[in-house]
Amino acid sequence: MPRLIDGTEVDSASEAWRHQCEAQTIAALPTLAQRRAWLESLAHKRGPEEVERLRRTMKALWEEKKHA
């Protein structure tokens, strides 16, 4: 089973896993401009709350990678 950044095991079809995969995908974009453009597009589709949630997850992923 996939494991979230907080250690929770989830189904690969879960919303939580989809969210984390999306955050990883955005964080892996090569430039800041590309990441900002993607998030701006999402803000129009899903709202600023979802973008903030993705930013928090991206930050947590970055912090985990930095300390690994």
PDB file of N, CA and C in Angstrom:
ATOM      1  N   MET A   1       0.836  -1.190   0.000  1.00  0.00           N
ATOM      2  CA  MET A   1       0.000   0.000   0.000  1.00  0.00           C
ATOM      3  C   MET A   1       0.878   1.250   0.000  1.00  0.00           C
ATOM      4  N   PRO A   2       0.435   2.265  -0.707  1.00  0.00           N
ATOM      5  CA  PRO A   2       1.186   3.525  -0.697  1.00  0.00           C
ATOM      6  C   PRO A   2       1.189   4.151   0.700  1.00  0.00           C
ATOM      7  N   ARG A   3       2.232   4.878   0.986  1.00  0.00           N
ATOM      8  CA  ARG A   3       2.370   5.521   2.294  1.00  0.00           C
ATOM      9  C   ARG A   3       2.461   7.029   2.091  1.00  0.00           C
ATOM     10  N   LEU A   4       1.630   7.748   2.825  1.00  0.00           N
ATOM     11  CA  LEU A   4       1.651   9.208   2.766  1.00  0.00           C
ATOM     12  C   LEU A   4       2.859   9.748   3.511  1.00  0.00           C
ATOM     13  N   ILE A   5       3.111  11.003   3.329  1.00  0.00           N
ATOM     14  CA  ILE A   5       4.253  11.652   3.968  1.00  0.00           C
ATOM     15  C   ILE A   5       4.202  11.551   5.493  1.00  0.00           C
ATOM     16  N   ASP A   6       2.992  11.462   6.053  1.00  0.00           N
ATOM     17  CA  ASP A   6       2.860  11.347   7.512  1.00  0.00           C
ATOM     18  C   ASP A   6       2.954   9.901   7.996  1.00  0.00           C
ATOM     19  N   GLY A   7       3.202   8.962   7.048  1.00  0.00           N
ATOM     20  CA  GLY A   7       3.362   7.564   7.408  1.00  0.00           C
ATOM     21  C   GLY A   7       2.093   6.730   7.293  1.00  0.00           C
ATOM     22  N   THR A   8       0.969   7.362   7.047  1.00  0.00           N
ATOM     23  CA  THR A   8      -0.295   6.654   6.926  1.00  0.00           C
ATOM     24  C   THR A   8      -0.328   5.837   5.644  1.00  0.00           C
ATOM     25  N   GLU A   9      -0.727   4.575   5.753  1.00  0.00           N
ATOM     26  CA  GLU A   9      -0.905   3.750   4.561  1.00  0.00           C
ATOM     27  C   GLU A   9      -2.303   3.980   4.019  1.00  0.00           C
ATOM     28  N   VAL A  10      -2.395   4.183   2.700  1.00  0.00           N
ATOM     29  CA  VAL A  10      -3.679   4.459   2.058  1.00  0.00           C
ATOM     30  C   VAL A  10      -3.818   3.626   0.798  1.00  0.00           C
ATOM     31  N   ASP A  11      -5.032   3.514   0.332  1.00  0.00           N
ATOM     32  CA  ASP A  11      -5.303   2.844  -0.930  1.00  0.00           C
ATOM     33  C   ASP A  11      -4.791   3.722  -2.071  1.00  0.00           C
ATOM     34  N   SER A  12      -4.281   3.110  -3.113  1.00  0.00           N
ATOM     35  CA  SER A  12      -3.752   3.886  -4.234  1.00  0.00           C
ATOM     36  C   SER A  12      -4.849   4.610  -5.014  1.00  0.00           C
ATOM     37  N   ALA A  13      -6.108   4.297  -4.748  1.00  0.00           N
ATOM     38  CA  ALA A  13      -7.229   4.984  -5.397  1.00  0.00           C
ATOM     39  C   ALA A  13      -7.822   6.074  -4.502  1.00  0.00           C
ATOM     40  N   SER A  14      -7.196   6.344  -3.366  1.00  0.00           N
ATOM     41  CA  SER A  14      -7.753   7.315  -2.416  1.00  0.00           C
ATOM     42  C   SER A  14      -7.469   8.761  -2.832  1.00  0.00           C
ATOM     43  N   GLU A  15      -8.287   9.655  -2.346  1.00  0.00           N
ATOM     44  CA  GLU A  15      -8.101  11.087  -2.572  1.00  0.00           C
ATOM     45  C   GLU A  15      -6.787  11.558  -1.950  1.00  0.00           C
ATOM     46  N   ALA A  16      -6.461  11.023  -0.789  1.00  0.00           N
ATOM     47  CA  ALA A  16      -5.223  11.430  -0.114  1.00  0.00           C
ATOM     48  C   ALA A  16      -3.995  11.098  -0.963  1.00  0.00           C
ATOM     49  N   TRP A  17      -3.999   9.922  -1.582  1.00  0.00           N
ATOM     50  CA  TRP A  17      -2.863   9.529  -2.434  1.00  0.00           C
ATOM     51  C   TRP A  17      -2.827  10.385  -3.696  1.00  0.00           C
ATOM     52  N   ARG A  18      -4.005  10.647  -4.294  1.00  0.00           N
ATOM     53  CA  ARG A  18      -4.058  11.488  -5.482  1.00  0.00           C
ATOM     54  C   ARG A  18      -3.485  12.867  -5.173  1.00  0.00           C
ATOM     55  N   HIS A  19      -3.874  13.410  -4.017  1.00  0.00           N
ATOM     56  CA  HIS A  19      -3.398  14.733  -3.606  1.00  0.00           C
ATOM     57  C   HIS A  19      -1.871  14.738  -3.470  1.00  0.00           C
ATOM     58  N   GLN A  20      -1.328  13.742  -2.786  1.00  0.00           N
ATOM     59  CA  GLN A  20       0.121  13.716  -2.592  1.00  0.00           C
ATOM     60  C   GLN A  20       0.850  13.545  -3.926  1.00  0.00           C
ATOM     61  N   CYS A  21       0.330  12.713  -4.813  1.00  0.00           N
ATOM     62  CA  CYS A  21       0.952  12.541  -6.129  1.00  0.00           C
ATOM     63  C   CYS A  21       0.918  13.841  -6.921  1.00  0.00           C
ATOM     64  N   GLU A  22      -0.197  14.559  -6.829  1.00  0.00           N
ATOM     65  CA  GLU A  22      -0.292  15.838  -7.534  1.00  0.00           C
ATOM     66  C   GLU A  22       0.729  16.825  -6.971  1.00  0.00           C
ATOM     67  N   ALA A  23       0.856  16.879  -5.661  1.00  0.00           N
ATOM     68  CA  ALA A  23       1.841  17.773  -5.042  1.00  0.00           C
ATOM     69  C   ALA A  23       3.259  17.407  -5.482  1.00  0.00           C
ATOM     70  N   GLN A  24       3.564  16.116  -5.559  1.00  0.00           N
ATOM     71  CA  GLN A  24       4.886  15.677  -6.005  1.00  0.00           C
ATOM     72  C   GLN A  24       5.135  16.066  -7.457  1.00  0.00           C
ATOM     73  N   THR A  25       4.109  15.941  -8.268  1.00  0.00           N
ATOM     74  CA  THR A  25       4.232  16.293  -9.685  1.00  0.00           C
ATOM     75  C   THR A  25       4.517  17.779  -9.859  1.00  0.00           C
ATOM     76  N   ILE A  26       3.774  18.610  -9.142  1.00  0.00           N
ATOM     77  CA  ILE A  26       3.973  20.060  -9.239  1.00  0.00           C
ATOM     78  C   ILE A  26       5.354  20.429  -8.710  1.00  0.00           C
ATOM     79  N   ALA A  27       5.733  19.859  -7.581  1.00  0.00           N
ATOM     80  CA  ALA A  27       7.030  20.173  -6.976  1.00  0.00           C
ATOM     81  C   ALA A  27       8.190  19.768  -7.883  1.00  0.00           C
ATOM     82  N   ALA A  28       7.978  18.774  -8.725  1.00  0.00           N
ATOM     83  CA  ALA A  28       9.046  18.286  -9.607  1.00  0.00           C
ATOM     84  C   ALA A  28       9.200  19.112 -10.879  1.00  0.00           C
ATOM     85  N   LEU A  29       8.314  20.067 -11.099  1.00  0.00           N
ATOM     86  CA  LEU A  29       8.455  20.912 -12.292  1.00  0.00           C
ATOM     87  C   LEU A  29       9.780  21.665 -12.210  1.00  0.00           C
ATOM     88  N   PRO A  30      10.449  21.852 -13.342  1.00  0.00           N
ATOM     89  CA  PRO A  30      11.814  22.381 -13.314  1.00  0.00           C
ATOM     90  C   PRO A  30      11.966  23.853 -12.904  1.00  0.00           C
ATOM     91  N   THR A  31      10.928  24.664 -13.091  1.00  0.00           N
ATOM     92  CA  THR A  31      11.108  26.075 -12.745  1.00  0.00           C
ATOM     93  C   THR A  31      10.009  26.571 -11.818  1.00  0.00           C
ATOM     94  N   LEU A  32      10.336  27.586 -11.076  1.00  0.00           N
ATOM     95  CA  LEU A  32       9.358  28.225 -10.196  1.00  0.00           C
ATOM     96  C   LEU A  32       8.196  28.791 -11.003  1.00  0.00           C
ATOM     97  N   ALA A  33       8.493  29.352 -12.167  1.00  0.00           N
ATOM     98  CA  ALA A  33       7.436  29.911 -13.013  1.00  0.00           C
ATOM     99  C   ALA A  33       6.439  28.832 -13.431  1.00  0.00           C
ATOM    100  N   GLN A  34       6.927  27.646 -13.743  1.00  0.00           N
ATOM    101  CA  GLN A  34       6.030  26.557 -14.124  1.00  0.00           C
ATOM    102  C   GLN A  34       5.181  26.107 -12.943  1.00  0.00           C
ATOM    103  N   ARG A  35       5.789  26.026 -11.767  1.00  0.00           N
ATOM    104  CA  ARG A  35       5.024  25.636 -10.573  1.00  0.00           C
ATOM    105  C   ARG A  35       3.950  26.671 -10.270  1.00  0.00           C
ATOM    106  N   ARG A  36       4.304  27.933 -10.355  1.00  0.00           N
ATOM    107  CA  ARG A  36       3.320  28.999 -10.096  1.00  0.00           C
ATOM    108  C   ARG A  36       2.191  28.984 -11.113  1.00  0.00           C
ATOM    109  N   ALA A  37       2.508  28.761 -12.377  1.00  0.00           N
ATOM    110  CA  ALA A  37       1.482  28.719 -13.425  1.00  0.00           C
ATOM    111  C   ALA A  37       0.517  27.565 -13.177  1.00  0.00           C
ATOM    112  N   TRP A  38       1.037  26.404 -12.798  1.00  0.00           N
ATOM    113  CA  TRP A  38       0.186  25.249 -12.535  1.00  0.00           C
ATOM    114  C   TRP A  38      -0.749  25.548 -11.365  1.00  0.00           C
ATOM    115  N   LEU A  39      -0.188  26.102 -10.298  1.00  0.00           N
ATOM    116  CA  LEU A  39      -1.002  26.410  -9.124  1.00  0.00           C
ATOM    117  C   LEU A  39      -2.037  27.493  -9.428  1.00  0.00           C
ATOM    118  N   GLU A  40      -1.670  28.470 -10.231  1.00  0.00           N
ATOM    119  CA  GLU A  40      -2.624  29.514 -10.612  1.00  0.00           C
ATOM    120  C   GLU A  40      -3.789  28.922 -11.398  1.00  0.00           C
ATOM    121  N   SER A  41      -3.478  28.008 -12.289  1.00  0.00           N
ATOM    122  CA  SER A  41      -4.522  27.333 -13.058  1.00  0.00           C
ATOM    123  C   SER A  41      -5.457  26.557 -12.130  1.00  0.00           C
ATOM    124  N   LEU A  42      -4.879  25.886 -11.146  1.00  0.00           N
ATOM    125  CA  LEU A  42      -5.696  25.140 -10.188  1.00  0.00           C
ATOM    126  C   LEU A  42      -6.550  26.064  -9.330  1.00  0.00           C
ATOM    127  N   ALA A  43      -6.031  27.235  -9.008  1.00  0.00           N
ATOM    128  CA  ALA A  43      -6.797  28.186  -8.196  1.00  0.00           C
ATOM    129  C   ALA A  43      -8.091  28.575  -8.900  1.00  0.00           C
ATOM    130  N   HIS A  44      -8.031  28.714 -10.219  1.00  0.00           N
ATOM    131  CA  HIS A  44      -9.225  29.063 -10.986  1.00  0.00           C
ATOM    132  C   HIS A  44     -10.214  27.903 -11.032  1.00  0.00           C
ATOM    133  N   LYS A  45      -9.709  26.680 -11.032  1.00  0.00           N
ATOM    134  CA  LYS A  45     -10.568  25.498 -11.151  1.00  0.00           C
ATOM    135  C   LYS A  45     -11.113  25.028  -9.799  1.00  0.00           C
ATOM    136  N   ARG A  46     -10.246  25.053  -8.766  1.00  0.00           N
ATOM    137  CA  ARG A  46     -10.617  24.447  -7.479  1.00  0.00           C
ATOM    138  C   ARG A  46     -10.661  25.419  -6.314  1.00  0.00           C
ATOM    139  N   GLY A  47     -10.128  26.609  -6.507  1.00  0.00           N
ATOM    140  CA  GLY A  47     -10.155  27.604  -5.447  1.00  0.00           C
ATOM    141  C   GLY A  47      -8.839  27.713  -4.693  1.00  0.00           C
ATOM    142  N   PRO A  48      -8.670  28.837  -3.999  1.00  0.00           N
ATOM    143  CA  PRO A  48      -7.406  29.098  -3.299  1.00  0.00           C
ATOM    144  C   PRO A  48      -7.140  28.153  -2.126  1.00  0.00           C
ATOM    145  N   GLU A  49      -8.189  27.617  -1.525  1.00  0.00           N
ATOM    146  CA  GLU A  49      -7.981  26.704  -0.396  1.00  0.00           C
ATOM    147  C   GLU A  49      -7.238  25.446  -0.840  1.00  0.00           C
ATOM    148  N   GLU A  50      -7.611  24.920  -2.008  1.00  0.00           N
ATOM    149  CA  GLU A  50      -6.947  23.717  -2.519  1.00  0.00           C
ATOM    150  C   GLU A  50      -5.496  24.026  -2.894  1.00  0.00           C
ATOM    151  N   VAL A  51      -5.247  25.190  -3.438  1.00  0.00           N
ATOM    152  CA  VAL A  51      -3.875  25.568  -3.779  1.00  0.00           C
ATOM    153  C   VAL A  51      -3.035  25.673  -2.506  1.00  0.00           C
ATOM    154  N   GLU A  52      -3.582  26.243  -1.473  1.00  0.00           N
ATOM    155  CA  GLU A  52      -2.847  26.351  -0.206  1.00  0.00           C
ATOM    156  C   GLU A  52      -2.577  24.965   0.370  1.00  0.00           C
ATOM    157  N   ARG A  53      -3.538  24.076   0.271  1.00  0.00           N
ATOM    158  CA  ARG A  53      -3.355  22.702   0.739  1.00  0.00           C
ATOM    159  C   ARG A  53      -2.222  22.028  -0.033  1.00  0.00           C
ATOM    160  N   LEU A  54      -2.186  22.217  -1.347  1.00  0.00           N
ATOM    161  CA  LEU A  54      -1.105  21.657  -2.152  1.00  0.00           C
ATOM    162  C   LEU A  54       0.243  22.267  -1.773  1.00  0.00           C
ATOM    163  N   ARG A  55       0.268  23.553  -1.536  1.00  0.00           N
ATOM    164  CA  ARG A  55       1.531  24.207  -1.134  1.00  0.00           C
ATOM    165  C   ARG A  55       2.055  23.634   0.174  1.00  0.00           C
ATOM    166  N   ARG A  56       1.149  23.402   1.121  1.00  0.00           N
ATOM    167  CA  ARG A  56       1.583  22.822   2.404  1.00  0.00           C
ATOM    168  C   ARG A  56       2.161  21.423   2.197  1.00  0.00           C
ATOM    169  N   THR A  57       1.519  20.638   1.353  1.00  0.00           N
ATOM    170  CA  THR A  57       2.011  19.287   1.081  1.00  0.00           C
ATOM    171  C   THR A  57       3.349  19.345   0.361  1.00  0.00           C
ATOM    172  N   MET A  58       3.478  20.243  -0.600  1.00  0.00           N
ATOM    173  CA  MET A  58       4.745  20.390  -1.317  1.00  0.00           C
ATOM    174  C   MET A  58       5.863  20.784  -0.353  1.00  0.00           C
ATOM    175  N   LYS A  59       5.562  21.677   0.566  1.00  0.00           N
ATOM    176  CA  LYS A  59       6.570  22.093   1.556  1.00  0.00           C
ATOM    177  C   LYS A  59       6.969  20.911   2.440  1.00  0.00           C
ATOM    178  N   ALA A  60       5.994  20.124   2.873  1.00  0.00           N
ATOM    179  CA  ALA A  60       6.287  18.954   3.704  1.00  0.00           C
ATOM    180  C   ALA A  60       7.139  17.942   2.936  1.00  0.00           C
ATOM    181  N   LEU A  61       6.838  17.730   1.662  1.00  0.00           N
ATOM    182  CA  LEU A  61       7.640  16.836   0.838  1.00  0.00           C
ATOM    183  C   LEU A  61       9.071  17.339   0.702  1.00  0.00           C
ATOM    184  N   TRP A  62       9.212  18.653   0.504  1.00  0.00           N
ATOM    185  CA  TRP A  62      10.542  19.245   0.375  1.00  0.00           C
ATOM    186  C   TRP A  62      11.329  19.107   1.687  1.00  0.00           C
ATOM    187  N   GLU A  63      10.651  19.345   2.812  1.00  0.00           N
ATOM    188  CA  GLU A  63      11.316  19.230   4.110  1.00  0.00           C
ATOM    189  C   GLU A  63      11.770  17.786   4.354  1.00  0.00           C
ATOM    190  N   GLU A  64      10.905  16.833   3.975  1.00  0.00           N
ATOM    191  CA  GLU A  64      11.268  15.427   4.145  1.00  0.00           C
ATOM    192  C   GLU A  64      12.481  15.081   3.299  1.00  0.00           C
ATOM    193  N   LYS A  65      12.492  15.531   2.070  1.00  0.00           N
ATOM    194  CA  LYS A  65      13.613  15.251   1.163  1.00  0.00           C
ATOM    195  C   LYS A  65      14.897  15.904   1.677  1.00  0.00           C
ATOM    196  N   LYS A  66      14.772  17.099   2.210  1.00  0.00           N
ATOM    197  CA  LYS A  66      15.934  17.846   2.708  1.00  0.00           C
ATOM    198  C   LYS A  66      16.584  17.109   3.888  1.00  0.00           C
ATOM    199  N   HIS A  67      15.761  16.450   4.708  1.00  0.00           N
ATOM    200  CA  HIS A  67      16.282  15.770   5.893  1.00  0.00           C
ATOM    201  C   HIS A  67      16.560  14.282   5.671  1.00  0.00           C
ATOM    202  N   ALA A  68      16.370  13.836   4.459  1.00  0.00           N
ATOM    203  CA  ALA A  68      16.607  12.395   4.173  1.00  0.00           C
ATOM    204  C   ALA A  68      18.063  12.114   3.902  1.00  0.00           C
TER     205      ALA A  68
END
